[in-house]
Amino acid sequence: MREWLKSLTHPEDRKRIGVDIATVEFGWPIGMPVCRSLSGGVYEVRTNLEHNRIARVLFYIDRGGRMVLLTRTWNSLGVERGNMKGDFDEAQEKREGFQSQRV
């Protein structure tokens, strides 16, 4: 996740995503329009970016109440979510892996 954030070419995008992640992390529980539940304990942080784009960061809250970032996805406003199911499946697998490591 850190490499992805650093790779963003627009500094304002990084700032917006970081602010939204911090809002959720320190304001948990929080809902729309910044955060929503997807399924199986996975949530998304939605950030509106420049050029009619949306960044979604998928995460879960671990047993210690910590926000664990799992994966990210993009889409442009008015465009299908693309591979959201594949991103969600990846997030579920990572969540399950993290949880099994922490038992």
N, C-alpha and C. Protein backbone atom coordinates (compact mmCIF):
# COMPACT_ATOMS: atom_id res chain seq x y z
N MET A 1 0.82 -1.19 0.00
CA MET A 1 0.00 0.00 0.00
C MET A 1 0.87 1.26 0.00
N ARG A 2 1.90 1.25 0.80
CA ARG A 2 2.76 2.42 0.89
C ARG A 2 3.40 2.75 -0.46
N GLU A 3 3.87 1.70 -1.17
CA GLU A 3 4.48 1.91 -2.48
C GLU A 3 3.46 2.51 -3.45
N TRP A 4 2.23 2.02 -3.40
CA TRP A 4 1.18 2.54 -4.27
C TRP A 4 0.93 4.01 -3.99
N LEU A 5 0.81 4.37 -2.72
CA LEU A 5 0.58 5.78 -2.38
C LEU A 5 1.73 6.66 -2.86
N LYS A 6 2.95 6.20 -2.67
CA LYS A 6 4.12 6.98 -3.11
C LYS A 6 4.20 7.08 -4.63
N SER A 7 3.62 6.10 -5.33
CA SER A 7 3.70 6.11 -6.79
C SER A 7 2.68 7.04 -7.44
N LEU A 8 1.72 7.54 -6.70
CA LEU A 8 0.71 8.43 -7.28
C LEU A 8 1.37 9.71 -7.76
N THR A 9 1.03 10.11 -8.97
CA THR A 9 1.71 11.25 -9.58
C THR A 9 1.18 12.60 -9.10
N HIS A 10 -0.03 12.64 -8.61
CA HIS A 10 -0.60 13.90 -8.12
C HIS A 10 -0.50 13.95 -6.60
N PRO A 11 0.32 14.86 -6.06
CA PRO A 11 0.46 14.95 -4.60
C PRO A 11 -0.88 15.16 -3.89
N GLU A 12 -1.80 15.87 -4.53
CA GLU A 12 -3.11 16.11 -3.92
C GLU A 12 -3.88 14.80 -3.75
N ASP A 13 -3.70 13.85 -4.67
CA ASP A 13 -4.35 12.54 -4.54
C ASP A 13 -3.86 11.82 -3.29
N ARG A 14 -2.53 11.82 -3.10
CA ARG A 14 -1.96 11.17 -1.91
C ARG A 14 -2.52 11.79 -0.64
N LYS A 15 -2.59 13.10 -0.64
CA LYS A 15 -3.08 13.81 0.55
C LYS A 15 -4.54 13.45 0.82
N ARG A 16 -5.37 13.47 -0.20
CA ARG A 16 -6.79 13.17 -0.01
C ARG A 16 -7.00 11.75 0.51
N ILE A 17 -6.29 10.79 -0.09
CA ILE A 17 -6.42 9.40 0.34
C ILE A 17 -5.95 9.27 1.79
N GLY A 18 -4.82 9.88 2.12
CA GLY A 18 -4.30 9.83 3.49
C GLY A 18 -5.25 10.43 4.50
N VAL A 19 -5.86 11.56 4.15
CA VAL A 19 -6.82 12.20 5.05
C VAL A 19 -8.02 11.30 5.28
N ASP A 20 -8.53 10.67 4.22
CA ASP A 20 -9.69 9.79 4.37
C ASP A 20 -9.35 8.55 5.19
N ILE A 21 -8.17 7.97 4.97
CA ILE A 21 -7.75 6.82 5.78
C ILE A 21 -7.64 7.22 7.25
N ALA A 22 -7.04 8.37 7.52
CA ALA A 22 -6.90 8.84 8.91
C ALA A 22 -8.26 9.12 9.53
N THR A 23 -9.19 9.67 8.75
CA THR A 23 -10.54 9.94 9.25
C THR A 23 -11.19 8.66 9.73
N VAL A 24 -11.06 7.60 8.94
CA VAL A 24 -11.65 6.32 9.32
C VAL A 24 -10.90 5.72 10.51
N GLU A 25 -9.58 5.73 10.44
CA GLU A 25 -8.77 5.11 11.50
C GLU A 25 -9.05 5.74 12.86
N PHE A 26 -9.10 7.05 12.93
CA PHE A 26 -9.25 7.73 14.21
C PHE A 26 -10.70 8.03 14.56
N GLY A 27 -11.62 7.86 13.60
CA GLY A 27 -13.03 8.12 13.87
C GLY A 27 -13.89 6.87 13.91
N TRP A 28 -13.24 5.70 13.87
CA TRP A 28 -13.97 4.43 13.79
C TRP A 28 -14.90 4.26 14.97
N PRO A 29 -16.14 3.81 14.75
CA PRO A 29 -16.76 3.46 13.47
C PRO A 29 -17.28 4.70 12.75
N ILE A 30 -17.21 4.67 11.45
CA ILE A 30 -17.64 5.80 10.62
C ILE A 30 -18.30 5.23 9.37
N GLY A 31 -19.22 5.97 8.80
CA GLY A 31 -19.95 5.46 7.64
C GLY A 31 -19.76 6.31 6.41
N MET A 32 -20.76 6.23 5.54
CA MET A 32 -20.73 6.96 4.27
C MET A 32 -20.73 8.46 4.54
N PRO A 33 -20.14 9.24 3.67
CA PRO A 33 -19.67 8.88 2.34
C PRO A 33 -18.23 8.40 2.30
N VAL A 34 -17.52 8.39 3.43
CA VAL A 34 -16.10 8.03 3.41
C VAL A 34 -15.89 6.52 3.47
N CYS A 35 -16.71 5.82 4.21
CA CYS A 35 -16.46 4.41 4.48
C CYS A 35 -17.76 3.62 4.40
N ARG A 36 -17.66 2.39 3.89
CA ARG A 36 -18.83 1.51 3.92
C ARG A 36 -18.40 0.06 4.04
N SER A 37 -19.29 -0.74 4.60
CA SER A 37 -19.04 -2.17 4.75
C SER A 37 -19.30 -2.86 3.43
N LEU A 38 -18.42 -3.79 3.06
CA LEU A 38 -18.63 -4.57 1.84
C LEU A 38 -19.24 -5.91 2.19
N SER A 39 -18.49 -6.76 2.91
CA SER A 39 -18.97 -8.08 3.31
C SER A 39 -17.85 -8.79 4.05
N GLY A 40 -18.22 -9.70 4.93
CA GLY A 40 -17.23 -10.54 5.58
C GLY A 40 -16.19 -9.79 6.39
N GLY A 41 -16.56 -8.62 6.94
CA GLY A 41 -15.62 -7.86 7.73
C GLY A 41 -14.69 -6.97 6.94
N VAL A 42 -14.89 -6.90 5.62
CA VAL A 42 -14.07 -6.03 4.78
C VAL A 42 -14.85 -4.73 4.52
N TYR A 43 -14.15 -3.62 4.61
CA TYR A 43 -14.72 -2.29 4.41
C TYR A 43 -13.93 -1.58 3.32
N GLU A 44 -14.51 -0.47 2.83
CA GLU A 44 -13.78 0.35 1.87
C GLU A 44 -13.79 1.79 2.29
N VAL A 45 -12.65 2.46 2.07
CA VAL A 45 -12.53 3.91 2.19
C VAL A 45 -12.62 4.43 0.77
N ARG A 46 -13.55 5.34 0.53
CA ARG A 46 -13.71 5.92 -0.82
C ARG A 46 -13.21 7.35 -0.81
N THR A 47 -12.36 7.66 -1.78
CA THR A 47 -11.80 9.00 -1.90
C THR A 47 -12.05 9.52 -3.31
N ASN A 48 -12.68 10.68 -3.40
CA ASN A 48 -12.87 11.33 -4.70
C ASN A 48 -11.59 12.10 -5.04
N LEU A 49 -11.07 11.80 -6.23
CA LEU A 49 -9.82 12.40 -6.69
C LEU A 49 -10.06 13.36 -7.85
N GLU A 50 -9.01 14.05 -8.24
CA GLU A 50 -9.09 14.92 -9.41
C GLU A 50 -9.37 14.10 -10.66
N HIS A 51 -9.83 14.75 -11.69
CA HIS A 51 -10.09 14.14 -13.00
C HIS A 51 -11.17 13.06 -12.94
N ASN A 52 -12.18 13.27 -12.08
CA ASN A 52 -13.33 12.36 -11.97
C ASN A 52 -12.94 10.91 -11.70
N ARG A 53 -12.02 10.71 -10.78
CA ARG A 53 -11.59 9.37 -10.40
C ARG A 53 -11.93 9.12 -8.94
N ILE A 54 -12.07 7.85 -8.60
CA ILE A 54 -12.31 7.43 -7.22
C ILE A 54 -11.28 6.38 -6.85
N ALA A 55 -10.65 6.54 -5.69
CA ALA A 55 -9.77 5.51 -5.14
C ALA A 55 -10.52 4.80 -4.03
N ARG A 56 -10.41 3.49 -4.02
CA ARG A 56 -11.01 2.69 -2.95
C ARG A 56 -9.90 1.90 -2.28
N VAL A 57 -9.80 2.03 -0.97
CA VAL A 57 -8.84 1.27 -0.19
C VAL A 57 -9.64 0.30 0.66
N LEU A 58 -9.38 -1.00 0.49
CA LEU A 58 -10.10 -2.02 1.24
C LEU A 58 -9.32 -2.38 2.49
N PHE A 59 -10.05 -2.55 3.60
CA PHE A 59 -9.40 -2.80 4.89
C PHE A 59 -10.32 -3.62 5.79
N TYR A 60 -9.77 -4.07 6.91
CA TYR A 60 -10.58 -4.65 7.97
C TYR A 60 -10.06 -4.14 9.30
N ILE A 61 -10.85 -4.34 10.34
CA ILE A 61 -10.46 -3.97 11.69
C ILE A 61 -10.10 -5.25 12.43
N ASP A 62 -8.86 -5.34 12.92
CA ASP A 62 -8.44 -6.58 13.58
C ASP A 62 -8.97 -6.65 15.01
N ARG A 63 -8.67 -7.75 15.68
CA ARG A 63 -9.18 -7.97 17.05
C ARG A 63 -8.71 -6.91 18.02
N GLY A 64 -7.59 -6.29 17.72
CA GLY A 64 -7.06 -5.23 18.58
C GLY A 64 -7.63 -3.86 18.25
N GLY A 65 -8.57 -3.81 17.31
CA GLY A 65 -9.17 -2.54 16.91
C GLY A 65 -8.33 -1.73 15.95
N ARG A 66 -7.32 -2.36 15.34
CA ARG A 66 -6.45 -1.66 14.39
C ARG A 66 -6.99 -1.80 12.97
N MET A 67 -6.81 -0.75 12.20
CA MET A 67 -7.20 -0.74 10.79
C MET A 67 -6.07 -1.37 9.99
N VAL A 68 -6.37 -2.45 9.26
CA VAL A 68 -5.37 -3.14 8.45
C VAL A 68 -5.73 -2.94 6.98
N LEU A 69 -4.87 -2.21 6.25
CA LEU A 69 -5.11 -1.95 4.84
C LEU A 69 -4.78 -3.20 4.04
N LEU A 70 -5.68 -3.59 3.14
CA LEU A 70 -5.54 -4.84 2.41
C LEU A 70 -5.16 -4.64 0.95
N THR A 71 -5.91 -3.82 0.22
CA THR A 71 -5.65 -3.59 -1.20
C THR A 71 -6.34 -2.30 -1.62
N ARG A 72 -6.13 -1.93 -2.88
CA ARG A 72 -6.75 -0.71 -3.41
C ARG A 72 -7.24 -0.96 -4.81
N THR A 73 -8.18 -0.11 -5.25
CA THR A 73 -8.72 -0.20 -6.60
C THR A 73 -9.12 1.20 -7.05
N TRP A 74 -9.30 1.37 -8.35
CA TRP A 74 -9.63 2.66 -8.96
C TRP A 74 -10.85 2.53 -9.84
N ASN A 75 -11.50 3.63 -10.10
CA ASN A 75 -12.38 3.74 -11.25
C ASN A 75 -12.68 5.21 -11.50
N SER A 76 -13.14 5.48 -12.69
CA SER A 76 -13.56 6.83 -13.04
C SER A 76 -15.04 6.95 -12.79
N LEU A 77 -15.48 8.15 -12.45
CA LEU A 77 -16.91 8.35 -12.21
C LEU A 77 -17.69 7.99 -13.47
N GLY A 78 -18.79 7.30 -13.29
CA GLY A 78 -19.63 6.92 -14.42
C GLY A 78 -19.15 5.69 -15.16
N VAL A 79 -18.09 5.03 -14.65
CA VAL A 79 -17.54 3.85 -15.30
C VAL A 79 -17.71 2.67 -14.34
N GLU A 80 -17.92 1.49 -14.91
CA GLU A 80 -18.05 0.30 -14.08
C GLU A 80 -16.87 0.18 -13.12
N ARG A 81 -17.05 -0.50 -12.03
CA ARG A 81 -16.00 -0.66 -11.03
C ARG A 81 -14.83 -1.49 -11.50
N GLY A 82 -14.89 -2.02 -12.68
CA GLY A 82 -13.76 -2.80 -13.18
C GLY A 82 -13.69 -4.15 -12.49
N ASN A 83 -12.57 -4.45 -11.91
CA ASN A 83 -12.36 -5.75 -11.29
C ASN A 83 -12.60 -5.70 -9.79
N MET A 84 -13.69 -5.06 -9.36
CA MET A 84 -13.96 -4.93 -7.94
C MET A 84 -14.09 -6.29 -7.26
N LYS A 85 -14.71 -7.28 -7.93
CA LYS A 85 -14.85 -8.60 -7.32
C LYS A 85 -13.48 -9.22 -7.10
N GLY A 86 -12.60 -9.11 -8.08
CA GLY A 86 -11.25 -9.64 -7.92
C GLY A 86 -10.50 -8.95 -6.80
N ASP A 87 -10.67 -7.62 -6.68
CA ASP A 87 -10.03 -6.87 -5.60
C ASP A 87 -10.60 -7.29 -4.25
N PHE A 88 -11.92 -7.49 -4.20
CA PHE A 88 -12.56 -7.91 -2.96
C PHE A 88 -12.07 -9.31 -2.56
N ASP A 89 -12.00 -10.23 -3.53
CA ASP A 89 -11.51 -11.58 -3.24
C ASP A 89 -10.07 -11.54 -2.71
N GLU A 90 -9.24 -10.70 -3.32
CA GLU A 90 -7.86 -10.53 -2.84
C GLU A 90 -7.84 -10.01 -1.41
N ALA A 91 -8.70 -9.04 -1.13
CA ALA A 91 -8.77 -8.48 0.23
C ALA A 91 -9.21 -9.54 1.23
N GLN A 92 -10.19 -10.36 0.87
CA GLN A 92 -10.65 -11.43 1.76
C GLN A 92 -9.53 -12.41 2.06
N GLU A 93 -8.79 -12.79 1.04
CA GLU A 93 -7.68 -13.73 1.23
C GLU A 93 -6.61 -13.14 2.15
N LYS A 94 -6.28 -11.87 1.95
CA LYS A 94 -5.29 -11.23 2.81
C LYS A 94 -5.79 -11.14 4.25
N ARG A 95 -7.08 -10.79 4.42
CA ARG A 95 -7.66 -10.69 5.77
C ARG A 95 -7.56 -12.04 6.47
N GLU A 96 -7.94 -13.10 5.78
CA GLU A 96 -7.88 -14.42 6.36
C GLU A 96 -6.44 -14.80 6.71
N GLY A 97 -5.49 -14.44 5.85
CA GLY A 97 -4.08 -14.72 6.12
C GLY A 97 -3.58 -13.97 7.34
N PHE A 98 -3.93 -12.69 7.46
CA PHE A 98 -3.52 -11.90 8.63
C PHE A 98 -4.12 -12.48 9.89
N GLN A 99 -5.40 -12.84 9.83
CA GLN A 99 -6.06 -13.36 11.03
C GLN A 99 -5.45 -14.69 11.47
N SER A 100 -5.09 -15.54 10.53
CA SER A 100 -4.52 -16.83 10.90
C SER A 100 -3.12 -16.66 11.50
N GLN A 101 -2.39 -15.61 11.09
CA GLN A 101 -1.06 -15.35 11.63
C GLN A 101 -1.12 -14.82 13.06
N ARG A 102 -2.21 -14.18 13.41
CA ARG A 102 -2.32 -13.52 14.71
C ARG A 102 -2.99 -14.37 15.77
N VAL A 103 -3.29 -15.62 15.46
CA VAL A 103 -3.96 -16.49 16.44
C VAL A 103 -2.98 -17.02 17.43
